[in-house]
Amino acid sequence: MTSRAKRTYNLSETTVRRVREIADQYGAFRTQDRVVDAAVERLYLELQATAEAAQWAAAADDPEFRREAASIGEAFGDRDRWPA
């Protein structure tokens, strides 16, 4: 089991109500703690994906990266398909 840490946060009444509703009415999670865990994990993954997409977009505009990617594609005999 993952270790747990007790923390206190000042949340809006709306957020507290929604956490309770998700846990109680929708039954999506067994406890309010799990609702918060899932919400934070989802937000974390979304932010991580957005940051990664920005890095790939920047790399696509980097001539040195494009040359290296083309070189790798050529080395693997895949110039027509990689990089996209």
N, C-alpha and C. Protein backbone atom coordinates (compact mmCIF):
# COMPACT_ATOMS: atom_id res chain seq x y z
N MET A 1 0.84 -1.18 0.00
CA MET A 1 0.00 0.00 0.00
C MET A 1 0.89 1.25 0.00
N THR A 2 0.50 2.24 -0.74
CA THR A 2 1.22 3.50 -0.79
C THR A 2 1.06 4.24 0.52
N SER A 3 2.16 4.85 0.98
CA SER A 3 2.05 5.61 2.22
C SER A 3 1.20 6.85 1.99
N ARG A 4 0.55 7.29 3.00
CA ARG A 4 -0.36 8.43 2.91
C ARG A 4 0.17 9.53 3.81
N ALA A 5 -0.13 10.77 3.48
CA ALA A 5 0.26 11.92 4.29
C ALA A 5 -0.97 12.79 4.51
N LYS A 6 -1.20 13.15 5.73
CA LYS A 6 -2.33 14.01 6.07
C LYS A 6 -1.93 15.45 5.79
N ARG A 7 -2.74 16.16 5.02
CA ARG A 7 -2.49 17.55 4.67
C ARG A 7 -3.78 18.34 4.83
N THR A 8 -3.62 19.63 5.03
CA THR A 8 -4.77 20.51 5.13
C THR A 8 -4.69 21.53 4.01
N TYR A 9 -5.75 21.65 3.24
CA TYR A 9 -5.83 22.62 2.16
C TYR A 9 -7.08 23.44 2.33
N ASN A 10 -7.03 24.68 1.92
CA ASN A 10 -8.20 25.56 1.95
C ASN A 10 -8.85 25.51 0.58
N LEU A 11 -9.91 24.74 0.48
CA LEU A 11 -10.61 24.57 -0.78
C LEU A 11 -11.93 25.34 -0.75
N SER A 12 -12.37 25.71 -1.93
CA SER A 12 -13.66 26.40 -1.99
C SER A 12 -14.78 25.44 -1.61
N GLU A 13 -15.89 26.01 -1.17
CA GLU A 13 -17.04 25.18 -0.82
C GLU A 13 -17.52 24.37 -2.01
N THR A 14 -17.44 24.96 -3.19
CA THR A 14 -17.85 24.25 -4.41
C THR A 14 -16.98 23.02 -4.64
N THR A 15 -15.68 23.18 -4.47
CA THR A 15 -14.77 22.05 -4.67
C THR A 15 -15.06 20.95 -3.66
N VAL A 16 -15.23 21.31 -2.41
CA VAL A 16 -15.52 20.32 -1.37
C VAL A 16 -16.83 19.60 -1.68
N ARG A 17 -17.85 20.35 -2.09
CA ARG A 17 -19.15 19.76 -2.43
C ARG A 17 -18.99 18.79 -3.61
N ARG A 18 -18.22 19.18 -4.60
CA ARG A 18 -18.05 18.32 -5.78
C ARG A 18 -17.27 17.06 -5.45
N VAL A 19 -16.26 17.17 -4.61
CA VAL A 19 -15.51 15.99 -4.20
C VAL A 19 -16.44 15.02 -3.49
N ARG A 20 -17.24 15.53 -2.58
CA ARG A 20 -18.20 14.67 -1.86
C ARG A 20 -19.19 14.03 -2.83
N GLU A 21 -19.68 14.83 -3.76
CA GLU A 21 -20.66 14.34 -4.73
C GLU A 21 -20.06 13.22 -5.59
N ILE A 22 -18.85 13.43 -6.06
CA ILE A 22 -18.19 12.40 -6.88
C ILE A 22 -18.03 11.12 -6.08
N ALA A 23 -17.61 11.25 -4.83
CA ALA A 23 -17.40 10.06 -3.99
C ALA A 23 -18.71 9.40 -3.59
N ASP A 24 -19.69 10.18 -3.23
CA ASP A 24 -20.93 9.63 -2.67
C ASP A 24 -21.98 9.30 -3.73
N GLN A 25 -22.32 10.26 -4.55
CA GLN A 25 -23.42 10.06 -5.49
C GLN A 25 -23.03 9.25 -6.71
N TYR A 26 -21.88 9.54 -7.27
CA TYR A 26 -21.50 8.86 -8.50
C TYR A 26 -20.79 7.54 -8.24
N GLY A 27 -20.25 7.38 -7.05
CA GLY A 27 -19.60 6.13 -6.71
C GLY A 27 -18.38 5.82 -7.55
N ALA A 28 -17.82 6.84 -8.17
CA ALA A 28 -16.66 6.62 -9.04
C ALA A 28 -15.43 6.22 -8.23
N PHE A 29 -15.36 6.67 -6.99
CA PHE A 29 -14.24 6.36 -6.12
C PHE A 29 -14.79 6.02 -4.74
N ARG A 30 -14.05 5.21 -4.02
CA ARG A 30 -14.53 4.75 -2.71
C ARG A 30 -14.49 5.84 -1.65
N THR A 31 -13.52 6.76 -1.76
CA THR A 31 -13.38 7.79 -0.73
C THR A 31 -13.12 9.14 -1.38
N GLN A 32 -13.31 10.19 -0.60
CA GLN A 32 -13.00 11.54 -1.07
C GLN A 32 -11.50 11.68 -1.33
N ASP A 33 -10.68 11.02 -0.54
CA ASP A 33 -9.23 11.05 -0.76
C ASP A 33 -8.88 10.53 -2.15
N ARG A 34 -9.55 9.46 -2.54
CA ARG A 34 -9.27 8.89 -3.87
C ARG A 34 -9.74 9.80 -4.99
N VAL A 35 -10.81 10.52 -4.76
CA VAL A 35 -11.27 11.51 -5.75
C VAL A 35 -10.17 12.56 -5.96
N VAL A 36 -9.65 13.08 -4.87
CA VAL A 36 -8.60 14.11 -4.96
C VAL A 36 -7.35 13.52 -5.60
N ASP A 37 -6.95 12.31 -5.19
CA ASP A 37 -5.79 11.66 -5.80
C ASP A 37 -5.96 11.57 -7.32
N ALA A 38 -7.12 11.11 -7.75
CA ALA A 38 -7.37 10.93 -9.18
C ALA A 38 -7.37 12.27 -9.92
N ALA A 39 -7.96 13.28 -9.31
CA ALA A 39 -8.03 14.60 -9.95
C ALA A 39 -6.64 15.20 -10.10
N VAL A 40 -5.83 15.09 -9.06
CA VAL A 40 -4.47 15.64 -9.12
C VAL A 40 -3.64 14.86 -10.14
N GLU A 41 -3.77 13.54 -10.16
CA GLU A 41 -3.02 12.73 -11.13
C GLU A 41 -3.42 13.09 -12.56
N ARG A 42 -4.72 13.27 -12.79
CA ARG A 42 -5.18 13.64 -14.14
C ARG A 42 -4.64 15.00 -14.55
N LEU A 43 -4.69 15.98 -13.65
CA LEU A 43 -4.16 17.30 -13.95
C LEU A 43 -2.67 17.23 -14.20
N TYR A 44 -1.95 16.48 -13.37
CA TYR A 44 -0.51 16.32 -13.54
C TYR A 44 -0.18 15.75 -14.92
N LEU A 45 -0.88 14.69 -15.32
CA LEU A 45 -0.63 14.07 -16.62
C LEU A 45 -0.97 15.01 -17.77
N GLU A 46 -2.04 15.80 -17.64
CA GLU A 46 -2.40 16.77 -18.67
C GLU A 46 -1.32 17.83 -18.81
N LEU A 47 -0.84 18.35 -17.69
CA LEU A 47 0.21 19.37 -17.73
C LEU A 47 1.50 18.81 -18.29
N GLN A 48 1.82 17.58 -17.91
CA GLN A 48 3.02 16.93 -18.42
C GLN A 48 2.92 16.73 -19.94
N ALA A 49 1.76 16.30 -20.42
CA ALA A 49 1.56 16.10 -21.86
C ALA A 49 1.65 17.42 -22.61
N THR A 50 1.10 18.48 -22.04
CA THR A 50 1.17 19.80 -22.67
C THR A 50 2.62 20.28 -22.76
N ALA A 51 3.38 20.08 -21.69
CA ALA A 51 4.79 20.48 -21.70
C ALA A 51 5.57 19.66 -22.71
N GLU A 52 5.29 18.36 -22.78
CA GLU A 52 5.98 17.50 -23.74
C GLU A 52 5.64 17.90 -25.18
N ALA A 53 4.38 18.21 -25.43
CA ALA A 53 3.97 18.65 -26.77
C ALA A 53 4.69 19.94 -27.15
N ALA A 54 4.84 20.85 -26.19
CA ALA A 54 5.55 22.10 -26.46
C ALA A 54 7.01 21.82 -26.79
N GLN A 55 7.61 20.87 -26.09
CA GLN A 55 9.01 20.52 -26.37
C GLN A 55 9.16 19.93 -27.77
N TRP A 56 8.22 19.05 -28.16
CA TRP A 56 8.28 18.48 -29.50
C TRP A 56 8.05 19.55 -30.57
N ALA A 57 7.15 20.49 -30.30
CA ALA A 57 6.91 21.58 -31.25
C ALA A 57 8.16 22.44 -31.41
N ALA A 58 8.82 22.72 -30.31
CA ALA A 58 10.06 23.50 -30.37
C ALA A 58 11.13 22.72 -31.13
N ALA A 59 11.20 21.42 -30.89
CA ALA A 59 12.19 20.59 -31.59
C ALA A 59 11.94 20.58 -33.08
N ALA A 60 10.67 20.57 -33.47
CA ALA A 60 10.33 20.56 -34.90
C ALA A 60 10.80 21.84 -35.59
N ASP A 61 10.93 22.92 -34.84
CA ASP A 61 11.40 24.19 -35.40
C ASP A 61 12.91 24.36 -35.28
N ASP A 62 13.57 23.38 -34.67
CA ASP A 62 15.02 23.45 -34.45
C ASP A 62 15.74 22.77 -35.62
N PRO A 63 16.46 23.54 -36.43
CA PRO A 63 17.13 22.96 -37.59
C PRO A 63 18.11 21.83 -37.22
N GLU A 64 18.81 21.99 -36.11
CA GLU A 64 19.76 20.96 -35.70
C GLU A 64 19.04 19.66 -35.36
N PHE A 65 17.92 19.77 -34.66
CA PHE A 65 17.13 18.58 -34.33
C PHE A 65 16.61 17.93 -35.61
N ARG A 66 16.12 18.73 -36.53
CA ARG A 66 15.57 18.19 -37.79
C ARG A 66 16.66 17.44 -38.56
N ARG A 67 17.88 18.01 -38.59
CA ARG A 67 18.98 17.33 -39.28
C ARG A 67 19.30 15.99 -38.60
N GLU A 68 19.36 16.01 -37.28
CA GLU A 68 19.66 14.78 -36.55
C GLU A 68 18.57 13.74 -36.77
N ALA A 69 17.31 14.16 -36.72
CA ALA A 69 16.20 13.23 -36.93
C ALA A 69 16.25 12.65 -38.34
N ALA A 70 16.55 13.49 -39.33
CA ALA A 70 16.66 13.01 -40.71
C ALA A 70 17.80 12.03 -40.84
N SER A 71 18.89 12.30 -40.16
CA SER A 71 20.06 11.40 -40.19
C SER A 71 19.71 10.04 -39.60
N ILE A 72 18.98 10.06 -38.51
CA ILE A 72 18.57 8.80 -37.87
C ILE A 72 17.62 8.04 -38.80
N GLY A 73 16.68 8.76 -39.40
CA GLY A 73 15.76 8.13 -40.35
C GLY A 73 16.51 7.51 -41.52
N GLU A 74 17.50 8.21 -42.00
CA GLU A 74 18.30 7.69 -43.11
C GLU A 74 19.10 6.46 -42.68
N ALA A 75 19.66 6.50 -41.49
CA ALA A 75 20.44 5.37 -40.98
C ALA A 75 19.58 4.12 -40.86
N PHE A 76 18.31 4.29 -40.58
CA PHE A 76 17.41 3.15 -40.44
C PHE A 76 16.64 2.87 -41.73
N GLY A 77 17.01 3.56 -42.82
CA GLY A 77 16.37 3.31 -44.10
C GLY A 77 14.91 3.68 -44.13
N ASP A 78 14.54 4.72 -43.40
CA ASP A 78 13.13 5.08 -43.26
C ASP A 78 12.94 6.58 -43.57
N ARG A 79 13.63 7.08 -44.55
CA ARG A 79 13.58 8.52 -44.84
C ARG A 79 12.20 9.00 -45.27
N ASP A 80 11.43 8.13 -45.89
CA ASP A 80 10.12 8.55 -46.41
C ASP A 80 9.06 8.67 -45.32
N ARG A 81 9.24 7.99 -44.22
CA ARG A 81 8.19 7.97 -43.21
C ARG A 81 8.60 8.60 -41.89
N TRP A 82 9.90 8.77 -41.64
CA TRP A 82 10.31 9.25 -40.33
C TRP A 82 11.39 10.30 -40.49
N PRO A 83 11.36 11.41 -39.84
CA PRO A 83 10.28 11.85 -38.95
C PRO A 83 9.09 12.34 -39.75
N ALA A 84 7.95 12.30 -39.14
CA ALA A 84 6.70 12.68 -39.82
C ALA A 84 6.68 14.17 -40.05
